[in-house]
């Protein structure tokens, strides 16, 4: 049923884009292609359970990230309502995916919508696992081949834009916007039964619903090459503990993860732009401090700890 709904979302986006072609004067459309590169800094806390890097004080890496094609369309009906649609295709080092989003913006303040997505991932032998189902007896993932299994998702989202600048003195440093929001997501991996934990890309979960709420504070900056700074706060968790098999009870699937993400937008010119970000998060703390990374799902949670997860810089070229 949910898979059919995901397909309906994708079809509706196609219909809207077809309607745009019939009435190009009414719809604003944009087609954009981007190729991205990423640089990642991992501190020791993020490496301590790595098989080969657990003694390193930090690890720094950089590589091409992937290609994104996006097609967006919107139409204004005065200031009251603006329907929006987008269709995205992603091709990354660890897989590919298609995302389609339908949303409605009211008074340019409140936006509600639904997104459907389909993705699959590539495994790189024993070097890196990006898709498979976890096997508690083997204490590792049973890998699935690329394009043989898929992650299907439906995301319901709502965001409120509060222009704080309207209540502040008008200066170059008080162009502030606050965006609280919430999402409800259903995900199903076609290679896993209910209760089993799977991994696709960087997502690790079981079939079922998850939620997230939080806010993003945006400050528009008076600099040509650094136009915007942001900081996001988010809390995320799952709807039902019963979505996970009882073997994962010590791991505490209901644990609420909190993350704080400062970001700085970088603009080199009209075609090159990037984002510098760091992720500080509240994660599970386990009874065993040292364990193999592929055995984390079998650990016993005893508390929580705050840690700097990574510092990342993404730069992309627009075509």
C-alpha atoms as a PDB file:
ATOM      1  CA  UNK A   1       0.000   0.000   0.000  1.00  0.00           C
ATOM      2  CA  UNK A   2       2.733   2.457   0.978  1.00  0.00           C
ATOM      3  CA  UNK A   3       4.763   1.442  -2.077  1.00  0.00           C
ATOM      4  CA  UNK A   4       1.800   2.342  -4.286  1.00  0.00           C
ATOM      5  CA  UNK A   5       1.534   5.681  -2.478  1.00  0.00           C
ATOM      6  CA  UNK A   6       5.218   6.330  -3.180  1.00  0.00           C
ATOM      7  CA  UNK A   7       4.592   5.670  -6.876  1.00  0.00           C
ATOM      8  CA  UNK A   8       1.574   8.012  -6.806  1.00  0.00           C
ATOM      9  CA  UNK A   9       3.782  10.817  -5.473  1.00  0.00           C
ATOM     10  CA  UNK A  10       6.257  10.252  -8.304  1.00  0.00           C
ATOM     11  CA  UNK A  11       3.448  10.172 -10.877  1.00  0.00           C
ATOM     12  CA  UNK A  12       1.864  13.380  -9.556  1.00  0.00           C
ATOM     13  CA  UNK A  13       5.172  15.189  -9.953  1.00  0.00           C
ATOM     14  CA  UNK A  14       5.345  13.971 -13.554  1.00  0.00           C
ATOM     15  CA  UNK A  15       1.794  15.180 -14.179  1.00  0.00           C
ATOM     16  CA  UNK A  16       2.576  18.623 -12.775  1.00  0.00           C
ATOM     17  CA  UNK A  17       5.643  18.957 -14.972  1.00  0.00           C
ATOM     18  CA  UNK A  18       3.559  17.912 -17.986  1.00  0.00           C
ATOM     19  CA  UNK A  19       0.980  20.553 -17.063  1.00  0.00           C
ATOM     20  CA  UNK A  20       3.778  23.095 -16.864  1.00  0.00           C
ATOM     21  CA  UNK A  21       4.718  22.296 -20.440  1.00  0.00           C
ATOM     22  CA  UNK A  22       1.161  23.082 -21.529  1.00  0.00           C
ATOM     23  CA  UNK A  23       1.070  26.405 -19.667  1.00  0.00           C
ATOM     24  CA  UNK A  24       4.657  27.604 -19.392  1.00  0.00           C
ATOM     25  CA  UNK A  25       3.602  31.189 -18.659  1.00  0.00           C
ATOM     26  CA  UNK A  26       1.951  30.176 -15.384  1.00  0.00           C
ATOM     27  CA  UNK A  27       4.630  27.953 -13.900  1.00  0.00           C
ATOM     28  CA  UNK A  28       8.155  28.851 -12.863  1.00  0.00           C
ATOM     29  CA  UNK A  29      10.501  25.974 -13.591  1.00  0.00           C
ATOM     30  CA  UNK A  30      14.181  25.338 -13.036  1.00  0.00           C
ATOM     31  CA  UNK A  31      16.387  22.488 -14.220  1.00  0.00           C
ATOM     32  CA  UNK A  32      19.707  22.161 -12.413  1.00  0.00           C
ATOM     33  CA  UNK A  33      22.603  19.728 -12.596  1.00  0.00           C
ATOM     34  CA  UNK A  34      25.336  19.610  -9.952  1.00  0.00           C
ATOM     35  CA  UNK A  35      28.504  17.616  -9.471  1.00  0.00           C
ATOM     36  CA  UNK A  36      29.728  17.605  -5.879  1.00  0.00           C
ATOM     37  CA  UNK A  37      32.968  16.984  -4.025  1.00  0.00           C
ATOM     38  CA  UNK A  38      33.249  16.357  -0.285  1.00  0.00           C
ATOM     39  CA  UNK A  39      35.983  16.687   2.312  1.00  0.00           C
ATOM     40  CA  UNK A  40      35.453  15.026   5.715  1.00  0.00           C
ATOM     41  CA  UNK A  41      37.345  15.380   8.988  1.00  0.00           C
ATOM     42  CA  UNK A  42      36.663  12.608  11.540  1.00  0.00           C
ATOM     43  CA  UNK A  43      37.891  13.084  15.142  1.00  0.00           C
ATOM     44  CA  UNK A  44      39.124  10.202  17.288  1.00  0.00           C
ATOM     45  CA  UNK A  45      35.692   9.647  18.876  1.00  0.00           C
ATOM     46  CA  UNK A  46      34.300   8.701  15.480  1.00  0.00           C
ATOM     47  CA  UNK A  47      37.214   6.331  14.799  1.00  0.00           C
ATOM     48  CA  UNK A  48      37.614   4.499  18.103  1.00  0.00           C
ATOM     49  CA  UNK A  49      35.675   1.429  16.944  1.00  0.00           C
ATOM     50  CA  UNK A  50      37.130   1.275  13.462  1.00  0.00           C
ATOM     51  CA  UNK A  51      39.033  -1.930  12.759  1.00  0.00           C
ATOM     52  CA  UNK A  52      41.978  -0.167  11.121  1.00  0.00           C
ATOM     53  CA  UNK A  53      41.780   3.464  12.336  1.00  0.00           C
ATOM     54  CA  UNK A  54      40.948   3.136  16.058  1.00  0.00           C
ATOM     55  CA  UNK A  55      44.409   4.383  17.115  1.00  0.00           C
ATOM     56  CA  UNK A  56      44.399   7.406  14.838  1.00  0.00           C
ATOM     57  CA  UNK A  57      43.835  10.851  16.472  1.00  0.00           C
ATOM     58  CA  UNK A  58      41.829  11.937  13.426  1.00  0.00           C
ATOM     59  CA  UNK A  59      41.200  11.027   9.802  1.00  0.00           C
ATOM     60  CA  UNK A  60      40.874  13.366   6.837  1.00  0.00           C
ATOM     61  CA  UNK A  61      39.582  12.359   3.425  1.00  0.00           C
ATOM     62  CA  UNK A  62      38.287  14.011   0.253  1.00  0.00           C
ATOM     63  CA  UNK A  63      36.672  12.599  -2.866  1.00  0.00           C
ATOM     64  CA  UNK A  64      34.049  13.214  -5.552  1.00  0.00           C
ATOM     65  CA  UNK A  65      30.608  12.840  -3.981  1.00  0.00           C
ATOM     66  CA  UNK A  66      28.243  12.417  -6.905  1.00  0.00           C
ATOM     67  CA  UNK A  67      25.845  13.909  -9.436  1.00  0.00           C
ATOM     68  CA  UNK A  68      22.428  15.430  -8.805  1.00  0.00           C
ATOM     69  CA  UNK A  69      19.792  16.451 -11.334  1.00  0.00           C
ATOM     70  CA  UNK A  70      16.790  18.383 -10.055  1.00  0.00           C
ATOM     71  CA  UNK A  71      13.702  19.708 -11.796  1.00  0.00           C
ATOM     72  CA  UNK A  72      11.584  22.145  -9.798  1.00  0.00           C
ATOM     73  CA  UNK A  73       8.313  23.879 -10.601  1.00  0.00           C
ATOM     74  CA  UNK A  74       6.031  26.240  -8.702  1.00  0.00           C
ATOM     75  CA  UNK A  75       3.086  28.490  -9.371  1.00  0.00           C
ATOM     76  CA  UNK A  76       1.889  31.458  -7.318  1.00  0.00           C
ATOM     77  CA  UNK A  77      -1.829  31.976  -6.767  1.00  0.00           C
ATOM     78  CA  UNK A  78      -1.430  35.436  -5.301  1.00  0.00           C
ATOM     79  CA  UNK A  79       0.171  35.426  -1.865  1.00  0.00           C
ATOM     80  CA  UNK A  80      -2.211  32.846  -0.447  1.00  0.00           C
ATOM     81  CA  UNK A  81      -1.029  29.549  -1.854  1.00  0.00           C
ATOM     82  CA  UNK A  82       1.911  28.303  -3.915  1.00  0.00           C
ATOM     83  CA  UNK A  83       1.986  24.677  -5.085  1.00  0.00           C
ATOM     84  CA  UNK A  84       5.489  23.290  -5.577  1.00  0.00           C
ATOM     85  CA  UNK A  85       6.832  20.119  -7.148  1.00  0.00           C
ATOM     86  CA  UNK A  86      10.316  18.714  -7.538  1.00  0.00           C
ATOM     87  CA  UNK A  87      11.871  15.639  -9.100  1.00  0.00           C
ATOM     88  CA  UNK A  88      15.449  14.691  -8.172  1.00  0.00           C
ATOM     89  CA  UNK A  89      17.851  12.039  -9.366  1.00  0.00           C
ATOM     90  CA  UNK A  90      21.004  11.266  -7.353  1.00  0.00           C
ATOM     91  CA  UNK A  91      24.010   9.209  -8.421  1.00  0.00           C
ATOM     92  CA  UNK A  92      26.604   8.893  -5.645  1.00  0.00           C
ATOM     93  CA  UNK A  93      29.610   6.713  -4.900  1.00  0.00           C
ATOM     94  CA  UNK A  94      27.455   4.499  -2.679  1.00  0.00           C
ATOM     95  CA  UNK A  95      24.327   4.259  -4.825  1.00  0.00           C
ATOM     96  CA  UNK A  96      21.523   6.031  -6.634  1.00  0.00           C
ATOM     97  CA  UNK A  97      18.042   7.269  -5.862  1.00  0.00           C
ATOM     98  CA  UNK A  98      14.985   9.125  -7.130  1.00  0.00           C
ATOM     99  CA  UNK A  99      13.053  11.617  -5.000  1.00  0.00           C
ATOM    100  CA  UNK A 100       9.826  13.431  -5.770  1.00  0.00           C
ATOM    101  CA  UNK A 101       8.194  16.074  -3.603  1.00  0.00           C
ATOM    102  CA  UNK A 102       4.788  17.759  -3.662  1.00  0.00           C
ATOM    103  CA  UNK A 103       4.107  20.637  -1.293  1.00  0.00           C
ATOM    104  CA  UNK A 104       1.901  23.673  -0.755  1.00  0.00           C
ATOM    105  CA  UNK A 105       3.100  26.963   0.683  1.00  0.00           C
ATOM    106  CA  UNK A 106       0.538  29.175   2.409  1.00  0.00           C
ATOM    107  CA  UNK A 107       1.132  32.935   2.709  1.00  0.00           C
ATOM    108  CA  UNK A 108       4.827  32.201   2.027  1.00  0.00           C
ATOM    109  CA  UNK A 109       5.036  31.192   5.692  1.00  0.00           C
ATOM    110  CA  UNK A 110       3.766  27.624   6.137  1.00  0.00           C
ATOM    111  CA  UNK A 111       4.767  24.778   3.838  1.00  0.00           C
ATOM    112  CA  UNK A 112       3.333  21.264   4.067  1.00  0.00           C
ATOM    113  CA  UNK A 113       4.056  18.419   1.711  1.00  0.00           C
ATOM    114  CA  UNK A 114       4.858  14.806   1.023  1.00  0.00           C
ATOM    115  CA  UNK A 115       7.933  13.224  -0.531  1.00  0.00           C
ATOM    116  CA  UNK A 116       8.392   9.791  -2.062  1.00  0.00           C
ATOM    117  CA  UNK A 117      11.765   8.196  -2.716  1.00  0.00           C
ATOM    118  CA  UNK A 118      13.303   5.011  -4.075  1.00  0.00           C
ATOM    119  CA  UNK A 119      17.004   4.198  -3.652  1.00  0.00           C
ATOM    120  CA  UNK A 120      19.530   1.390  -3.875  1.00  0.00           C
ATOM    121  CA  UNK A 121      23.197   1.158  -2.903  1.00  0.00           C
ATOM    122  CA  UNK A 122      26.526  -0.412  -3.861  1.00  0.00           C
ATOM    123  CA  UNK A 123      28.680  -2.607  -1.610  1.00  0.00           C
ATOM    124  CA  UNK A 124      32.461  -2.529  -1.920  1.00  0.00           C
ATOM    125  CA  UNK A 125      33.308  -6.034  -0.715  1.00  0.00           C
ATOM    126  CA  UNK A 126      34.860  -6.152   2.757  1.00  0.00           C
ATOM    127  CA  UNK A 127      35.957  -2.507   2.497  1.00  0.00           C
ATOM    128  CA  UNK A 128      32.532  -0.888   2.934  1.00  0.00           C
ATOM    129  CA  UNK A 129      28.960  -2.143   3.330  1.00  0.00           C
ATOM    130  CA  UNK A 130      26.236   0.180   2.098  1.00  0.00           C
ATOM    131  CA  UNK A 131      23.281  -2.194   1.614  1.00  0.00           C
ATOM    132  CA  UNK A 132      22.158  -5.320   3.401  1.00  0.00           C
ATOM    133  CA  UNK A 133      20.242  -6.885   6.298  1.00  0.00           C
ATOM    134  CA  UNK A 134      21.862  -7.341   9.694  1.00  0.00           C
ATOM    135  CA  UNK A 135      22.460 -10.917  10.842  1.00  0.00           C
ATOM    136  CA  UNK A 136      22.692 -11.035  14.681  1.00  0.00           C
ATOM    137  CA  UNK A 137      24.125 -14.556  14.672  1.00  0.00           C
ATOM    138  CA  UNK A 138      26.899 -13.639  12.262  1.00  0.00           C
ATOM    139  CA  UNK A 139      27.276 -10.181  13.892  1.00  0.00           C
ATOM    140  CA  UNK A 140      27.520  -8.598  10.473  1.00  0.00           C
ATOM    141  CA  UNK A 141      25.439  -7.618   7.463  1.00  0.00           C
ATOM    142  CA  UNK A 142      24.246 -10.028   4.787  1.00  0.00           C
ATOM    143  CA  UNK A 143      25.040  -7.891   1.757  1.00  0.00           C
ATOM    144  CA  UNK A 144      22.625  -7.466  -1.150  1.00  0.00           C
ATOM    145  CA  UNK A 145      23.698  -6.778  -4.721  1.00  0.00           C
ATOM    146  CA  UNK A 146      23.140  -3.388  -6.327  1.00  0.00           C
ATOM    147  CA  UNK A 147      19.680  -2.959  -7.907  1.00  0.00           C
ATOM    148  CA  UNK A 148      18.393  -6.249  -6.451  1.00  0.00           C
ATOM    149  CA  UNK A 149      16.887  -4.587  -3.350  1.00  0.00           C
ATOM    150  CA  UNK A 150      15.433  -1.116  -2.810  1.00  0.00           C
ATOM    151  CA  UNK A 151      14.646   1.285   0.002  1.00  0.00           C
ATOM    152  CA  UNK A 152      11.177   2.799  -0.353  1.00  0.00           C
ATOM    153  CA  UNK A 153      10.231   5.855   1.654  1.00  0.00           C
ATOM    154  CA  UNK A 154       7.381   8.299   2.187  1.00  0.00           C
ATOM    155  CA  UNK A 155       8.034  11.512   4.091  1.00  0.00           C
ATOM    156  CA  UNK A 156       5.378  13.924   5.378  1.00  0.00           C
ATOM    157  CA  UNK A 157       6.813  17.304   6.306  1.00  0.00           C
ATOM    158  CA  UNK A 158       5.761  20.736   7.560  1.00  0.00           C
ATOM    159  CA  UNK A 159       7.881  23.872   7.961  1.00  0.00           C
ATOM    160  CA  UNK A 160       6.980  27.310   9.320  1.00  0.00           C
ATOM    161  CA  UNK A 161       9.075  30.335   8.289  1.00  0.00           C
ATOM    162  CA  UNK A 162       9.205  33.122  10.879  1.00  0.00           C
ATOM    163  CA  UNK A 163      10.855  36.301   9.502  1.00  0.00           C
ATOM    164  CA  UNK A 164      12.449  37.631  12.678  1.00  0.00           C
ATOM    165  CA  UNK A 165      13.861  40.517  10.635  1.00  0.00           C
ATOM    166  CA  UNK A 166      10.374  42.018  10.571  1.00  0.00           C
ATOM    167  CA  UNK A 167      10.552  42.582  14.341  1.00  0.00           C
ATOM    168  CA  UNK A 168      14.175  43.762  14.542  1.00  0.00           C
ATOM    169  CA  UNK A 169      15.998  46.975  13.621  1.00  0.00           C
ATOM    170  CA  UNK A 170      16.855  46.897   9.935  1.00  0.00           C
ATOM    171  CA  UNK A 171      20.609  46.400   9.683  1.00  0.00           C
ATOM    172  CA  UNK A 172      22.938  44.225   7.633  1.00  0.00           C
ATOM    173  CA  UNK A 173      23.326  41.893  10.645  1.00  0.00           C
ATOM    174  CA  UNK A 174      19.687  41.395  11.654  1.00  0.00           C
ATOM    175  CA  UNK A 175      18.344  39.566   8.607  1.00  0.00           C
ATOM    176  CA  UNK A 176      17.237  36.582  10.654  1.00  0.00           C
ATOM    177  CA  UNK A 177      14.783  33.808   9.864  1.00  0.00           C
ATOM    178  CA  UNK A 178      13.626  30.980  12.137  1.00  0.00           C
ATOM    179  CA  UNK A 179      12.267  27.790  10.567  1.00  0.00           C
ATOM    180  CA  UNK A 180      10.717  25.247  12.957  1.00  0.00           C
ATOM    181  CA  UNK A 181       9.603  22.025  11.336  1.00  0.00           C
ATOM    182  CA  UNK A 182       8.607  18.402  11.780  1.00  0.00           C
ATOM    183  CA  UNK A 183       8.637  15.251   9.650  1.00  0.00           C
ATOM    184  CA  UNK A 184       7.058  11.813   9.799  1.00  0.00           C
ATOM    185  CA  UNK A 185       8.759   9.162   7.654  1.00  0.00           C
ATOM    186  CA  UNK A 186       7.870   5.612   6.701  1.00  0.00           C
ATOM    187  CA  UNK A 187      10.655   3.417   5.293  1.00  0.00           C
ATOM    188  CA  UNK A 188      10.655  -0.145   4.020  1.00  0.00           C
ATOM    189  CA  UNK A 189      13.600  -2.122   2.688  1.00  0.00           C
ATOM    190  CA  UNK A 190      12.547  -4.783   0.202  1.00  0.00           C
ATOM    191  CA  UNK A 191      15.291  -7.149   1.388  1.00  0.00           C
ATOM    192  CA  UNK A 192      14.228  -7.243   5.057  1.00  0.00           C
ATOM    193  CA  UNK A 193      11.326  -8.755   6.967  1.00  0.00           C
ATOM    194  CA  UNK A 194       9.578  -6.880   9.769  1.00  0.00           C
ATOM    195  CA  UNK A 195      11.803  -6.660  12.836  1.00  0.00           C
ATOM    196  CA  UNK A 196      15.052  -6.990  10.909  1.00  0.00           C
ATOM    197  CA  UNK A 197      17.542  -4.121  10.823  1.00  0.00           C
ATOM    198  CA  UNK A 198      18.884  -3.035   7.447  1.00  0.00           C
ATOM    199  CA  UNK A 199      21.379  -0.567   6.054  1.00  0.00           C
ATOM    200  CA  UNK A 200      21.040   1.433   2.829  1.00  0.00           C
ATOM    201  CA  UNK A 201      23.618   4.128   2.187  1.00  0.00           C
ATOM    202  CA  UNK A 202      24.127   5.790   5.575  1.00  0.00           C
ATOM    203  CA  UNK A 203      20.621   4.921   6.839  1.00  0.00           C
ATOM    204  CA  UNK A 204      20.371   2.149   9.465  1.00  0.00           C
ATOM    205  CA  UNK A 205      16.862   1.255  10.648  1.00  0.00           C
ATOM    206  CA  UNK A 206      14.038  -1.286  10.588  1.00  0.00           C
ATOM    207  CA  UNK A 207      10.857  -1.143   8.528  1.00  0.00           C
ATOM    208  CA  UNK A 208       8.478   1.334  10.125  1.00  0.00           C
ATOM    209  CA  UNK A 209       7.860   4.947  11.073  1.00  0.00           C
ATOM    210  CA  UNK A 210      10.324   7.496  12.404  1.00  0.00           C
ATOM    211  CA  UNK A 211       9.899  11.151  13.341  1.00  0.00           C
ATOM    212  CA  UNK A 212      11.950  14.284  13.690  1.00  0.00           C
ATOM    213  CA  UNK A 213      11.303  17.805  14.901  1.00  0.00           C
ATOM    214  CA  UNK A 214      13.525  20.812  15.329  1.00  0.00           C
ATOM    215  CA  UNK A 215      14.327  24.258  13.997  1.00  0.00           C
ATOM    216  CA  UNK A 216      16.851  26.072  11.839  1.00  0.00           C
ATOM    217  CA  UNK A 217      18.045  29.588  12.595  1.00  0.00           C
ATOM    218  CA  UNK A 218      19.206  31.424   9.461  1.00  0.00           C
ATOM    219  CA  UNK A 219      21.279  34.597   9.370  1.00  0.00           C
ATOM    220  CA  UNK A 220      21.811  36.329   6.032  1.00  0.00           C
ATOM    221  CA  UNK A 221      25.317  37.782   6.001  1.00  0.00           C
ATOM    222  CA  UNK A 222      26.585  40.934   4.249  1.00  0.00           C
ATOM    223  CA  UNK A 223      29.423  39.071   2.525  1.00  0.00           C
ATOM    224  CA  UNK A 224      29.525  38.180  -1.156  1.00  0.00           C
ATOM    225  CA  UNK A 225      31.377  34.880  -0.658  1.00  0.00           C
ATOM    226  CA  UNK A 226      29.714  33.930   2.664  1.00  0.00           C
ATOM    227  CA  UNK A 227      26.064  34.842   2.108  1.00  0.00           C
ATOM    228  CA  UNK A 228      24.449  32.838   4.888  1.00  0.00           C
ATOM    229  CA  UNK A 229      25.086  31.123   8.227  1.00  0.00           C
ATOM    230  CA  UNK A 230      22.747  28.613   9.843  1.00  0.00           C
ATOM    231  CA  UNK A 231      22.463  26.444  12.897  1.00  0.00           C
ATOM    232  CA  UNK A 232      20.011  23.545  13.094  1.00  0.00           C
ATOM    233  CA  UNK A 233      18.711  21.690  16.131  1.00  0.00           C
ATOM    234  CA  UNK A 234      16.886  18.401  15.728  1.00  0.00           C
ATOM    235  CA  UNK A 235      15.501  15.508  17.745  1.00  0.00           C
ATOM    236  CA  UNK A 236      14.726  12.208  16.054  1.00  0.00           C
ATOM    237  CA  UNK A 237      13.389   8.818  17.077  1.00  0.00           C
ATOM    238  CA  UNK A 238      11.140   5.919  16.082  1.00  0.00           C
ATOM    239  CA  UNK A 239       7.387   5.534  16.524  1.00  0.00           C
ATOM    240  CA  UNK A 240       7.217   1.895  17.665  1.00  0.00           C
ATOM    241  CA  UNK A 241       9.766  -0.203  19.521  1.00  0.00           C
ATOM    242  CA  UNK A 242       7.946  -3.279  18.196  1.00  0.00           C
ATOM    243  CA  UNK A 243       9.324  -2.505  14.716  1.00  0.00           C
ATOM    244  CA  UNK A 244      12.631  -3.964  15.962  1.00  0.00           C
ATOM    245  CA  UNK A 245      13.254  -7.594  16.911  1.00  0.00           C
ATOM    246  CA  UNK A 246      13.671  -8.275  20.649  1.00  0.00           C
ATOM    247  CA  UNK A 247      17.366  -9.086  20.136  1.00  0.00           C
ATOM    248  CA  UNK A 248      17.950  -5.332  19.765  1.00  0.00           C
ATOM    249  CA  UNK A 249      16.305  -4.367  23.089  1.00  0.00           C
ATOM    250  CA  UNK A 250      19.665  -3.730  24.870  1.00  0.00           C
ATOM    251  CA  UNK A 251      20.614  -1.398  22.007  1.00  0.00           C
ATOM    252  CA  UNK A 252      17.501   0.679  22.850  1.00  0.00           C
ATOM    253  CA  UNK A 253      15.934   1.427  19.445  1.00  0.00           C
ATOM    254  CA  UNK A 254      13.720   4.096  21.088  1.00  0.00           C
ATOM    255  CA  UNK A 255      16.723   6.242  22.005  1.00  0.00           C
ATOM    256  CA  UNK A 256      16.162   9.857  20.944  1.00  0.00           C
ATOM    257  CA  UNK A 257      19.138  11.227  19.057  1.00  0.00           C
ATOM    258  CA  UNK A 258      19.787  14.974  19.230  1.00  0.00           C
ATOM    259  CA  UNK A 259      22.002  16.842  16.806  1.00  0.00           C
ATOM    260  CA  UNK A 260      23.210  20.432  16.527  1.00  0.00           C
ATOM    261  CA  UNK A 261      24.580  21.411  13.119  1.00  0.00           C
ATOM    262  CA  UNK A 262      26.193  24.813  12.460  1.00  0.00           C
ATOM    263  CA  UNK A 263      26.620  25.567   8.749  1.00  0.00           C
ATOM    264  CA  UNK A 264      28.227  28.287   6.669  1.00  0.00           C
ATOM    265  CA  UNK A 265      27.305  28.791   3.016  1.00  0.00           C
ATOM    266  CA  UNK A 266      30.171  29.548   0.640  1.00  0.00           C
ATOM    267  CA  UNK A 267      29.728  31.093  -2.815  1.00  0.00           C
ATOM    268  CA  UNK A 268      32.775  31.319  -5.067  1.00  0.00           C
ATOM    269  CA  UNK A 269      30.934  32.457  -8.206  1.00  0.00           C
ATOM    270  CA  UNK A 270      27.712  31.805 -10.093  1.00  0.00           C
ATOM    271  CA  UNK A 271      28.603  28.162 -10.740  1.00  0.00           C
ATOM    272  CA  UNK A 272      30.653  27.100  -7.712  1.00  0.00           C
ATOM    273  CA  UNK A 273      29.109  27.001  -4.230  1.00  0.00           C
ATOM    274  CA  UNK A 274      29.606  25.005  -1.070  1.00  0.00           C
ATOM    275  CA  UNK A 275      28.672  24.384   2.535  1.00  0.00           C
ATOM    276  CA  UNK A 276      30.939  24.030   5.568  1.00  0.00           C
ATOM    277  CA  UNK A 277      29.268  22.185   8.430  1.00  0.00           C
ATOM    278  CA  UNK A 278      29.997  20.422  11.678  1.00  0.00           C
ATOM    279  CA  UNK A 279      27.798  17.893  13.462  1.00  0.00           C
ATOM    280  CA  UNK A 280      27.588  17.737  17.260  1.00  0.00           C
ATOM    281  CA  UNK A 281      25.276  14.947  18.407  1.00  0.00           C
ATOM    282  CA  UNK A 282      23.898  13.167  21.457  1.00  0.00           C
ATOM    283  CA  UNK A 283      24.563   9.470  20.865  1.00  0.00           C
ATOM    284  CA  UNK A 284      24.185   6.187  22.719  1.00  0.00           C
ATOM    285  CA  UNK A 285      26.800   5.310  25.342  1.00  0.00           C
ATOM    286  CA  UNK A 286      27.440   1.577  25.684  1.00  0.00           C
ATOM    287  CA  UNK A 287      28.641  -0.676  28.474  1.00  0.00           C
ATOM    288  CA  UNK A 288      31.545  -1.757  26.258  1.00  0.00           C
ATOM    289  CA  UNK A 289      33.693   1.181  25.232  1.00  0.00           C
ATOM    290  CA  UNK A 290      35.612  -0.844  22.643  1.00  0.00           C
ATOM    291  CA  UNK A 291      33.762  -3.006  20.110  1.00  0.00           C
ATOM    292  CA  UNK A 292      33.835  -3.727  16.408  1.00  0.00           C
ATOM    293  CA  UNK A 293      31.806  -1.201  14.435  1.00  0.00           C
ATOM    294  CA  UNK A 294      29.680  -3.923  12.808  1.00  0.00           C
ATOM    295  CA  UNK A 295      28.630  -5.133  16.298  1.00  0.00           C
ATOM    296  CA  UNK A 296      27.171  -1.835  17.520  1.00  0.00           C
ATOM    297  CA  UNK A 297      23.577  -3.055  17.098  1.00  0.00           C
ATOM    298  CA  UNK A 298      24.249  -5.786  19.697  1.00  0.00           C
ATOM    299  CA  UNK A 299      25.715  -3.477  22.366  1.00  0.00           C
ATOM    300  CA  UNK A 300      23.957  -2.564  25.621  1.00  0.00           C
ATOM    301  CA  UNK A 301      23.168   1.108  26.051  1.00  0.00           C
ATOM    302  CA  UNK A 302      23.925   2.489  29.533  1.00  0.00           C
ATOM    303  CA  UNK A 303      23.529   6.210  28.901  1.00  0.00           C
ATOM    304  CA  UNK A 304      24.363   8.885  26.374  1.00  0.00           C
ATOM    305  CA  UNK A 305      27.297  11.052  25.373  1.00  0.00           C
ATOM    306  CA  UNK A 306      27.800  14.205  23.365  1.00  0.00           C
ATOM    307  CA  UNK A 307      30.423  14.130  20.666  1.00  0.00           C
ATOM    308  CA  UNK A 308      31.716  15.969  17.634  1.00  0.00           C
ATOM    309  CA  UNK A 309      30.828  13.503  14.900  1.00  0.00           C
ATOM    310  CA  UNK A 310      32.489  15.158  11.925  1.00  0.00           C
ATOM    311  CA  UNK A 311      33.411  18.335  10.115  1.00  0.00           C
ATOM    312  CA  UNK A 312      32.431  18.311   6.460  1.00  0.00           C
ATOM    313  CA  UNK A 313      32.840  20.630   3.494  1.00  0.00           C
ATOM    314  CA  UNK A 314      30.779  20.021   0.358  1.00  0.00           C
ATOM    315  CA  UNK A 315      31.450  22.003  -2.798  1.00  0.00           C
ATOM    316  CA  UNK A 316      29.493  21.649  -6.024  1.00  0.00           C
ATOM    317  CA  UNK A 317      29.671  22.818  -9.622  1.00  0.00           C
ATOM    318  CA  UNK A 318      26.398  23.837 -11.270  1.00  0.00           C
ATOM    319  CA  UNK A 319      25.849  22.964 -14.920  1.00  0.00           C
END
